[in-house]
Protein backbone atom coordinates (compact mmCIF):
# COMPACT_ATOMS: atom_id res chain seq x y z
CA MET A 1 -265.69 101.82 -101.07
CA LEU A 2 -265.54 98.19 -100.83
CA GLU A 3 -268.51 97.12 -102.64
CA ASP A 4 -267.42 99.65 -105.59
CA LYS A 5 -264.36 97.89 -105.87
CA LEU A 6 -265.59 94.79 -105.71
CA ARG A 7 -268.04 95.72 -108.31
CA ASN A 8 -265.50 96.81 -110.83
CA ILE A 9 -263.66 93.37 -110.39
CA LYS A 10 -267.01 91.54 -111.33
CA ASN A 11 -267.52 94.01 -114.07
CA GLU A 12 -264.18 93.49 -115.22
CA VAL A 13 -264.01 89.24 -114.96
CA VAL A 14 -267.30 89.26 -116.99
CA LYS A 15 -265.57 91.31 -119.81
CA ARG A 16 -263.02 88.70 -120.00
CA LEU A 17 -265.35 85.72 -119.85
CA GLU A 18 -267.49 87.29 -122.84
CA GLN A 19 -264.49 87.51 -124.68
CA ARG A 20 -263.67 83.44 -124.00
CA GLU A 21 -263.65 81.01 -121.27
CA MET A 22 -260.86 80.43 -119.16
CA GLU A 23 -258.70 77.29 -117.16
CA HIS A 24 -259.99 77.50 -113.84
CA ILE A 25 -256.93 78.12 -112.13
CA GLU A 26 -256.57 81.10 -114.47
CA TYR A 27 -259.97 82.73 -113.26
CA TYR A 28 -258.53 82.64 -109.80
CA LYS A 29 -255.18 84.49 -110.68
CA THR A 30 -257.39 86.81 -112.56
CA VAL A 31 -259.48 87.69 -109.78
CA HIS A 32 -256.20 88.37 -107.65
CA GLU A 33 -254.58 90.50 -110.03
CA LEU A 34 -257.92 92.61 -110.21
CA LEU A 35 -257.54 92.71 -106.57
CA VAL A 36 -254.18 93.93 -106.60
CA ALA A 37 -255.40 96.32 -109.14
CA GLU A 38 -258.08 97.61 -106.96
CA GLU A 39 -255.48 97.89 -103.99
CA LEU A 40 -257.18 95.37 -102.03
CA ALA A 41 -254.43 92.49 -102.36
CA LYS A 42 -250.48 92.68 -102.58
CA GLY A 43 -248.16 90.54 -104.23
CA GLU A 44 -248.19 87.57 -106.81
CA TYR A 45 -250.89 84.79 -106.40
CA LYS A 46 -249.47 82.23 -104.75
CA ILE A 47 -249.63 79.91 -101.56
CA GLY A 48 -249.81 81.69 -98.52
CA ASN A 49 -251.52 84.76 -100.70
CA HIS A 50 -254.21 83.58 -102.08
CA GLU A 51 -256.71 83.22 -99.89
CA LEU A 52 -258.71 86.50 -100.32
CA ALA A 53 -258.71 85.70 -104.27
CA ILE A 54 -260.02 82.41 -103.76
CA THR A 55 -262.95 83.65 -101.52
CA THR A 56 -263.30 86.68 -103.59
CA ALA A 57 -263.66 84.36 -106.75
CA VAL A 58 -265.80 81.53 -104.95
CA HIS A 59 -268.33 84.23 -104.02
CA LEU A 60 -268.38 86.07 -107.09
CA ARG A 61 -268.98 82.74 -108.97
CA PRO A 62 -273.01 83.00 -108.49
CA LYS A 63 -273.23 86.77 -109.24
CA ILE A 64 -271.37 85.92 -112.69
CA GLY A 65 -273.30 83.39 -113.49
CA LEU A 66 -270.42 81.11 -114.00
CA VAL A 67 -270.09 77.43 -115.36
CA TYR A 68 -267.39 74.79 -114.51
CA HIS A 69 -266.88 72.64 -117.81
CA HIS A 70 -264.20 69.58 -117.22
CA GLY A 71 -262.08 68.15 -119.80
CA VAL A 72 -259.51 65.63 -119.85
CA GLU A 73 -256.85 67.97 -119.69
CA LYS A 74 -258.36 70.75 -117.59
CA THR A 75 -261.17 72.66 -116.15
CA TYR A 76 -262.82 75.62 -117.44
CA VAL A 77 -264.87 78.50 -116.18
CA ALA A 78 -267.11 80.30 -118.45
CA LEU A 79 -270.61 82.44 -118.33
CA LYS A 80 -273.61 80.34 -118.40
CA ASP A 81 -274.69 80.82 -122.04
CA LYS A 82 -271.21 81.43 -123.58
CA GLU A 83 -270.22 79.62 -126.40
CA LEU A 84 -266.89 77.52 -125.72
CA SER A 85 -263.94 77.55 -128.24
CA LEU A 86 -263.64 74.64 -130.16
CA GLU A 87 -260.39 73.39 -128.39
CA THR A 88 -262.37 73.69 -124.85
CA LYS A 89 -265.53 71.53 -126.62
CA GLN A 90 -262.66 69.15 -127.80
CA ASP A 91 -261.53 68.54 -124.42
CA LEU A 92 -264.98 68.29 -122.86
CA ARG A 93 -265.93 65.65 -125.94
CA ASN A 94 -262.73 63.60 -125.03
CA LEU A 95 -263.65 63.07 -121.34
CA SER A 96 -267.42 62.62 -122.33
CA ASN A 97 -266.21 59.79 -124.77
CA LEU A 98 -263.72 58.27 -122.10
CA ILE A 99 -266.73 58.28 -119.55
CA ASP A 100 -268.94 56.63 -122.12
CA ASP A 101 -266.03 54.10 -123.50
CA THR A 102 -265.69 53.15 -120.00
CA ARG A 103 -269.33 52.71 -118.97
CA SER A 104 -269.74 50.57 -122.15
CA HIS A 105 -266.43 48.32 -121.54
CA LEU A 106 -267.68 47.77 -117.73
CA SER A 107 -271.22 46.87 -118.40
CA GLY A 108 -269.89 44.15 -120.33
CA LYS A 109 -267.63 42.89 -117.59
CA LEU A 110 -270.01 43.61 -114.51
CA LYS A 111 -273.63 43.51 -115.47
CA ASP A 112 -275.44 43.15 -112.16
CA LYS A 113 -272.34 42.08 -110.32
CA VAL A 114 -271.41 43.36 -106.88
CA VAL A 115 -267.98 45.07 -106.76
CA THR A 116 -265.99 46.75 -103.83
CA ASP A 117 -265.13 50.13 -104.50
CA LYS A 118 -261.58 49.08 -104.72
CA GLU A 119 -262.18 46.25 -107.39
CA PHE A 120 -264.27 49.34 -109.29
CA TYR A 121 -261.31 51.66 -108.90
CA LYS A 122 -258.81 49.21 -110.20
CA MET A 123 -261.34 48.16 -113.35
CA VAL A 124 -261.44 52.27 -114.15
CA GLY A 125 -257.76 52.66 -113.55
CA ASP A 126 -256.55 49.86 -115.47
CA TYR A 127 -259.14 50.42 -118.56
CA VAL A 128 -258.23 54.33 -118.83
CA ALA A 129 -254.76 53.37 -118.97
CA ASP A 130 -255.08 50.94 -121.38
CA GLN A 131 -256.86 53.30 -123.91
CA LYS A 132 -255.37 54.62 -126.62
CA ALA A 133 -258.10 56.90 -128.08
CA ILE A 134 -256.98 60.09 -126.09
CA ALA A 135 -253.17 61.16 -125.66
CA PHE A 136 -252.82 62.67 -122.14
CA SER A 137 -250.20 65.17 -121.95
CA ASP A 138 -248.82 63.46 -118.85
CA ASP A 139 -249.83 60.88 -116.16
CA PHE A 140 -251.25 63.37 -113.79
CA VAL A 141 -253.71 64.39 -116.06
CA ARG A 142 -254.50 60.78 -116.60
CA ALA A 143 -254.81 60.26 -112.97
CA GLY A 144 -257.29 63.45 -112.73
CA SER A 145 -259.45 61.96 -116.04
CA THR A 146 -259.78 58.52 -114.06
CA GLY A 147 -260.99 60.32 -111.10
CA TRP A 148 -263.49 61.84 -113.00
CA VAL A 149 -264.37 58.71 -114.94
CA ARG A 150 -264.88 56.89 -111.35
CA ALA A 151 -266.92 59.69 -109.99
CA THR A 152 -269.33 59.66 -112.67
CA LEU A 153 -269.67 56.02 -113.08
CA LYS A 154 -269.73 54.69 -109.43
CA ARG A 155 -273.11 55.44 -108.87
CA GLU A 156 -274.25 53.79 -112.29
CA PHE A 157 -272.92 50.40 -111.19
CA ASN A 158 -273.53 48.35 -108.31
CA VAL A 159 -269.92 49.37 -106.06
CA VAL A 160 -270.15 48.75 -102.70
CA ASP A 161 -267.82 50.78 -100.03
CA GLU A 162 -265.92 48.86 -97.92
CA PRO A 163 -265.08 49.71 -94.66
CA VAL A 164 -262.67 51.76 -93.33
CA VAL A 165 -260.43 50.15 -90.75
CA TYR A 166 -258.01 51.17 -88.52
CA ASP A 167 -255.89 48.81 -86.26
CA GLY A 168 -258.74 46.57 -86.69
CA ILE A 169 -261.65 48.72 -85.53
CA GLN A 170 -263.63 49.95 -88.03
CA GLU A 171 -264.07 53.58 -88.87
CA SER A 172 -267.60 54.21 -88.37
CA GLU A 173 -267.41 52.21 -84.93
CA LEU A 174 -264.98 54.15 -83.86
CA ARG A 175 -266.92 57.38 -84.77
CA LYS A 176 -270.13 56.00 -82.80
CA ALA A 177 -268.35 55.30 -79.86
CA ILE A 178 -266.50 58.69 -79.97
CA ASP A 179 -270.04 60.35 -80.79
CA LYS A 180 -271.28 58.71 -77.19
CA LEU A 181 -268.63 60.08 -75.08
């Protein structure tokens, strides 16, 4: 019974994704809507009523062959070999271009220099904030894009993590001491 209902949900999600990609939040809401239709969930998709939808959606991903795509404005889910819409492709291209442009900018400034993660994050953040090639819809979107650029490029440069210190105690030393208890 449960398996049949979940199979119906999986099949309907695949059917919808064969039509077009979805924003990732739309995917979770769709799974919730289908759980409600199959009488496995009740109510709206909201905080406090989304755990079943998220868990189901996460576990369906490999069964569906779902792929995540990250753009400047949104994160999308699509079937593995499904052609993306022109709008989505442009959003993905914008993030790719932003990463490439930032990489080029930092390559000229950093070369073989060692920088702390704090310095690196500031350099990336300042560059993204100053660039004009992409019109971000809002500061939240700019911050998310900055995070993607930082995460993508950090391993390409000589960035060292600064130790986290709490009231004069390094976190690594604190953890070691607690582990010995």
